[in-house]
Protein backbone atom coordinates (compact mmCIF):
# COMPACT_ATOMS: atom_id res chain seq x y z
CA MET A 1 0.09 0.10 0.24
CA SER A 2 1.34 3.21 -0.91
CA GLU A 3 1.23 6.34 1.08
CA SER A 4 -0.33 9.44 0.12
CA ILE A 5 1.56 12.65 -0.26
CA TRP A 6 0.13 15.31 1.73
CA GLN A 7 -0.50 18.99 -0.30
CA VAL A 8 -0.37 22.35 1.38
CA VAL A 9 -4.42 23.67 1.00
CA ALA A 10 -4.24 26.82 2.78
CA GLU A 11 -2.15 28.80 5.51
CA VAL A 12 -4.36 30.34 7.76
CA ASN A 13 -3.28 32.28 11.02
CA GLY A 14 -3.69 30.76 14.56
CA VAL A 15 -4.46 27.41 15.81
CA LEU A 16 -8.55 28.13 16.31
CA GLU A 17 -8.80 29.30 12.56
CA ALA A 18 -6.97 26.30 11.96
CA SER A 19 -9.12 24.06 13.73
CA ALA A 20 -12.20 25.58 12.41
CA LEU A 21 -10.89 24.69 8.89
CA ILE A 22 -9.95 21.43 10.49
CA GLY A 23 -13.19 20.67 11.66
CA ARG A 24 -14.97 21.25 8.07
CA LEU A 25 -12.94 19.36 6.08
CA HIS A 26 -13.15 16.08 8.29
CA ALA A 27 -16.92 17.10 8.21
CA GLU A 28 -16.84 16.21 4.53
CA ASP A 29 -14.56 13.04 5.15
CA ILE A 30 -11.42 14.68 4.17
CA PRO A 31 -8.20 13.44 6.00
CA ALA A 32 -6.34 17.03 7.46
CA GLN A 33 -3.49 18.10 9.33
CA THR A 34 -1.80 20.86 10.27
CA GLU A 35 1.53 22.04 11.14
CA GLU A 36 2.68 24.93 12.86
CA ILE A 37 4.78 27.95 11.43
CA GLY A 38 8.02 29.02 13.01
CA PRO A 39 8.12 29.22 16.99
CA ASN A 40 4.58 28.99 17.23
CA THR A 41 4.97 25.55 18.25
CA ALA A 42 6.87 26.59 21.49
CA PHE A 43 5.40 30.32 22.21
CA PRO A 44 1.36 30.15 20.74
CA MET A 45 1.35 33.55 18.84
CA THR A 46 -1.32 34.74 16.04
CA VAL A 47 0.48 37.76 15.05
CA GLY A 48 1.40 37.79 11.21
CA ARG A 49 3.53 34.72 9.66
CA LEU A 50 4.33 33.89 13.62
CA GLY A 51 1.02 32.44 14.39
CA MET A 52 0.87 30.86 10.44
CA VAL A 53 -0.39 27.42 10.23
CA ARG A 54 -0.37 25.22 7.19
CA ILE A 55 -3.26 22.78 6.21
CA TYR A 56 -2.62 19.28 4.68
CA VAL A 57 -4.96 16.97 2.89
CA PRO A 58 -3.86 14.07 0.87
CA GLU A 59 -3.29 15.24 -2.61
CA GLU A 60 -6.31 13.01 -4.04
CA PHE A 61 -8.48 15.29 -1.68
CA VAL A 62 -6.87 18.48 -2.98
CA GLU A 63 -9.24 19.85 -5.20
CA GLN A 64 -12.84 19.26 -3.04
CA ALA A 65 -10.88 20.59 0.00
CA VAL A 66 -9.55 23.73 -2.24
CA ALA A 67 -13.30 24.37 -3.11
CA ILE A 68 -13.77 24.11 0.76
CA VAL A 69 -11.59 26.43 1.52
CA GLU A 70 -12.12 28.97 -0.96
CA HIS A 71 -15.93 29.18 -0.60
CA ASP A 72 -17.60 31.99 0.91
CA TYR A 73 -19.89 30.63 3.52
CA THR A 74 -21.19 34.38 4.42
CA ASP A 75 -24.32 34.14 1.66
CA ASP A 76 -25.17 30.59 3.33
CA LEU A 77 -25.08 32.23 7.15
CA ASP A 78 -27.56 35.10 5.70
CA LYS A 79 -29.93 32.96 4.71
CA GLU A 80 -30.22 31.08 7.37
CA PHE A 81 -30.02 34.27 9.38
CA ASP A 82 -32.92 35.58 7.34
CA GLU A 83 -35.15 32.41 7.88
CA TYR A 84 -34.70 32.70 11.27
CA ASP A 85 -35.30 36.59 11.43
CA ASP A 86 -38.75 35.96 9.52
CA GLU A 87 -39.48 32.99 12.31
CA PHE A 88 -38.76 35.64 15.02
CA ASP A 89 -41.04 38.41 13.11
CA GLU A 90 -43.90 35.46 12.96
CA TYR A 91 -43.78 35.13 16.83
CA ASP A 92 -43.06 38.63 17.60
CA ASP A 93 -46.58 39.99 15.66
CA GLU A 94 -48.23 37.16 17.78
CA PHE A 95 -46.76 38.01 20.81
CA ASP A 96 -48.09 41.95 20.13
CA ASP A 97 -51.18 40.73 19.34
CA VAL A 98 -51.52 38.77 22.89
CA PHE A 99 -51.17 41.91 24.49
CA ASP A 100 -52.82 44.37 22.48
CA ASP A 101 -56.01 42.01 23.27
CA ASN A 102 -54.97 41.92 27.38
CA ASP A 103 -54.47 46.14 26.95
CA ASP A 104 -57.77 46.26 26.08
CA ASP A 105 -59.22 43.98 28.30
CA LEU A 106 -57.91 46.66 31.41
CA ASP A 107 -59.76 49.75 29.48
């Protein structure tokens, strides 16, 4: 069995960002690992190149991983937020109607 050659698909600033990206890749069943660059291994830093972390995947997953790394999830989050916002507005309107009816009873 031959070993896979691992290739860099991203360099991110800090372990937190790297962990999030690794989690996203793993969620898509893409094996991934990190390599911290510079003195970051002994003294955790997030300043400039000192805090850089490389993300590696096996070469057979590079195309799929790059698509995930480069995808802008902002639109996805905006759509999801809009759905929750619309749902909240419906509940808010119902809530206001109930209290408006109760205010009429007090008059």
